[in-house]
Amino acid sequence: MPGLRAAGVKDQRREDLSKSISSRDKALVCAREATRFKALDLVLLDVSRFSSFADYFLICSGKSSRQVQGIANNVEENLREKGIKPIGAEGRREGHWVLMDYGDVIIHIFYEPVRDFYDLESLWADAPRLDWEEDRLEGAPEEPR
């Protein structure tokens, strides 16, 4: 009968972005998810001209190792609900530098002093920064002003 679902079956209407999303849009979704969970000083770098392994680096930080772990856990869970699954993740246990590999998008979540020490933004200084707060997803409807 229409409208009835078998017990234990997940809702098939949930959005699966994994196959239809561009690298740029995936990076924007990742950035928005990270900020939802209080990631600080988020920078989105377009490294496609300089890297053979990724198109975008998302770099952000937390004020404690616990916050870094929380950001990583929540971002992964919420992206997974959208059908975007990581290839791998490292550093979660320590919470100083969590690296999450989403193929064309690499997320770096740092504990603030560790971020200052490694200074990835300087290492990738030639990579253009995306204004992710102003940028819209491709095909997204105009937001009312």
Protein backbone atom coordinates (compact mmCIF):
# COMPACT_ATOMS: atom_id res chain seq x y z
CA MET A 1 0.00 0.00 0.00
CA PRO A 2 1.28 3.50 -0.78
CA GLY A 3 2.63 5.43 2.17
CA LEU A 4 3.63 2.34 4.17
CA ARG A 5 7.27 1.42 4.72
CA ALA A 6 8.72 -1.83 5.97
CA ALA A 7 10.11 -1.61 9.48
CA GLY A 8 13.82 -0.80 9.57
CA VAL A 9 13.96 0.52 5.99
CA LYS A 10 15.55 3.95 5.69
CA ASP A 11 13.67 6.72 3.94
CA GLN A 12 14.67 6.55 0.27
CA ARG A 13 13.81 10.22 -0.24
CA ARG A 14 16.90 11.29 1.69
CA GLU A 15 19.15 13.28 -0.62
CA ASP A 16 22.09 11.32 -2.07
CA LEU A 17 24.57 13.83 -3.43
CA SER A 18 27.49 11.43 -3.90
CA LYS A 19 26.98 10.77 -7.61
CA SER A 20 25.58 14.07 -8.84
CA ILE A 21 27.69 16.65 -7.04
CA SER A 22 30.69 18.51 -8.48
CA SER A 23 33.96 18.82 -6.55
CA ARG A 24 33.26 22.51 -5.96
CA ASP A 25 29.78 21.86 -4.61
CA LYS A 26 31.05 19.02 -2.42
CA ALA A 27 33.62 21.44 -0.97
CA LEU A 28 30.87 24.01 -0.30
CA VAL A 29 28.67 21.39 1.40
CA CYS A 30 31.63 20.31 3.55
CA ALA A 31 32.34 23.93 4.52
CA ARG A 32 28.74 24.56 5.50
CA GLU A 33 28.58 21.36 7.55
CA ALA A 34 31.81 22.26 9.39
CA THR A 35 30.51 25.70 10.32
CA ARG A 36 27.24 24.21 11.57
CA PHE A 37 29.35 22.50 14.21
CA LYS A 38 31.29 25.61 15.26
CA ALA A 39 34.45 25.09 13.21
CA LEU A 40 36.60 28.22 13.46
CA ASP A 41 38.54 30.22 10.87
CA LEU A 42 37.41 28.08 7.96
CA VAL A 43 39.41 28.44 4.75
CA LEU A 44 38.53 26.70 1.49
CA LEU A 45 41.41 26.41 -0.98
CA ASP A 46 41.16 25.44 -4.64
CA VAL A 47 44.28 23.26 -5.02
CA SER A 48 43.26 21.67 -8.33
CA ARG A 49 46.05 23.42 -10.27
CA PHE A 50 48.70 22.30 -7.77
CA SER A 51 47.58 18.84 -6.67
CA SER A 52 46.98 15.53 -8.42
CA PHE A 53 45.18 14.00 -5.44
CA ALA A 54 42.52 16.61 -4.54
CA ASP A 55 40.71 19.64 -5.92
CA TYR A 56 39.90 21.39 -2.63
CA PHE A 57 41.34 21.65 0.87
CA LEU A 58 39.05 22.70 3.66
CA ILE A 59 41.06 23.92 6.66
CA CYS A 60 39.42 24.80 9.97
CA SER A 61 40.09 24.56 13.68
CA GLY A 62 38.66 24.04 17.13
CA LYS A 63 39.67 25.46 20.50
CA SER A 64 40.22 22.04 22.10
CA SER A 65 40.95 18.48 21.01
CA ARG A 66 37.46 17.57 22.17
CA GLN A 67 35.93 20.22 19.90
CA VAL A 68 38.06 19.00 16.97
CA GLN A 69 36.78 15.46 17.53
CA GLY A 70 33.20 16.72 17.78
CA ILE A 71 33.47 18.70 14.56
CA ALA A 72 34.93 15.67 12.75
CA ASN A 73 32.30 13.25 14.06
CA ASN A 74 29.36 15.52 13.27
CA VAL A 75 30.63 16.53 9.83
CA GLU A 76 31.17 12.90 8.86
CA GLU A 77 27.76 11.85 10.14
CA ASN A 78 25.91 14.67 8.39
CA LEU A 79 27.77 14.24 5.10
CA ARG A 80 27.07 10.50 5.25
CA GLU A 81 23.34 11.29 5.54
CA LYS A 82 23.72 13.22 2.27
CA GLY A 83 25.35 10.19 0.63
CA ILE A 84 28.89 11.61 0.85
CA LYS A 85 31.17 9.06 2.48
CA PRO A 86 34.85 9.47 3.36
CA ILE A 87 37.54 7.33 1.79
CA GLY A 88 39.38 7.54 5.09
CA ALA A 89 39.99 9.60 8.21
CA GLU A 90 42.99 9.89 10.51
CA GLY A 91 43.88 11.61 13.76
CA ARG A 92 40.45 11.54 15.38
CA ARG A 93 41.58 9.76 18.53
CA GLU A 94 44.19 12.41 19.40
CA GLY A 95 42.09 15.34 18.19
CA HIS A 96 45.04 17.54 17.24
CA TRP A 97 44.80 17.23 13.45
CA VAL A 98 41.97 15.26 11.90
CA LEU A 99 42.33 14.60 8.19
CA MET A 100 39.20 13.44 6.38
CA ASP A 101 39.62 12.29 2.78
CA TYR A 102 36.55 12.72 0.59
CA GLY A 103 38.43 12.07 -2.65
CA ASP A 104 38.40 15.40 -4.41
CA VAL A 105 37.92 17.27 -1.10
CA ILE A 106 40.30 16.91 1.85
CA ILE A 107 39.16 18.27 5.21
CA HIS A 108 41.80 19.31 7.77
CA ILE A 109 40.42 20.02 11.26
CA PHE A 110 43.10 21.33 13.60
CA TYR A 111 43.45 22.09 17.27
CA GLU A 112 44.37 25.81 17.03
CA PRO A 113 48.03 25.64 18.21
CA VAL A 114 48.70 22.71 15.86
CA ARG A 115 47.20 24.64 12.95
CA ASP A 116 49.49 27.57 13.69
CA PHE A 117 52.50 25.25 13.79
CA TYR A 118 51.86 23.51 10.45
CA ASP A 119 50.47 26.61 8.72
CA LEU A 120 49.00 24.80 5.70
CA GLU A 121 47.59 28.06 4.36
CA SER A 122 51.15 29.32 3.81
CA LEU A 123 52.25 26.05 2.21
CA TRP A 124 49.37 26.38 -0.28
CA ALA A 125 49.55 30.20 -0.53
CA ASP A 126 49.29 30.15 -4.35
CA ALA A 127 45.97 28.28 -4.21
CA PRO A 128 42.95 30.56 -4.65
CA ARG A 129 40.58 30.87 -1.69
CA LEU A 130 36.89 30.31 -2.30
CA ASP A 131 34.47 32.74 -0.74
CA TRP A 132 32.37 29.81 0.44
CA GLU A 133 29.95 31.93 2.48
CA GLU A 134 28.85 33.87 -0.59
CA ASP A 135 29.14 31.05 -3.13
CA ARG A 136 25.98 29.13 -4.04
CA LEU A 137 25.71 25.51 -4.94
CA GLU A 138 25.22 24.88 -8.67
CA GLY A 139 21.52 24.48 -9.42
CA ALA A 140 20.47 25.80 -6.00
CA PRO A 141 17.49 28.16 -6.04
CA GLU A 142 18.04 31.85 -5.38
CA GLU A 143 17.70 32.68 -1.71
CA PRO A 144 15.24 35.44 -0.82
CA ARG A 145 16.86 38.71 0.16
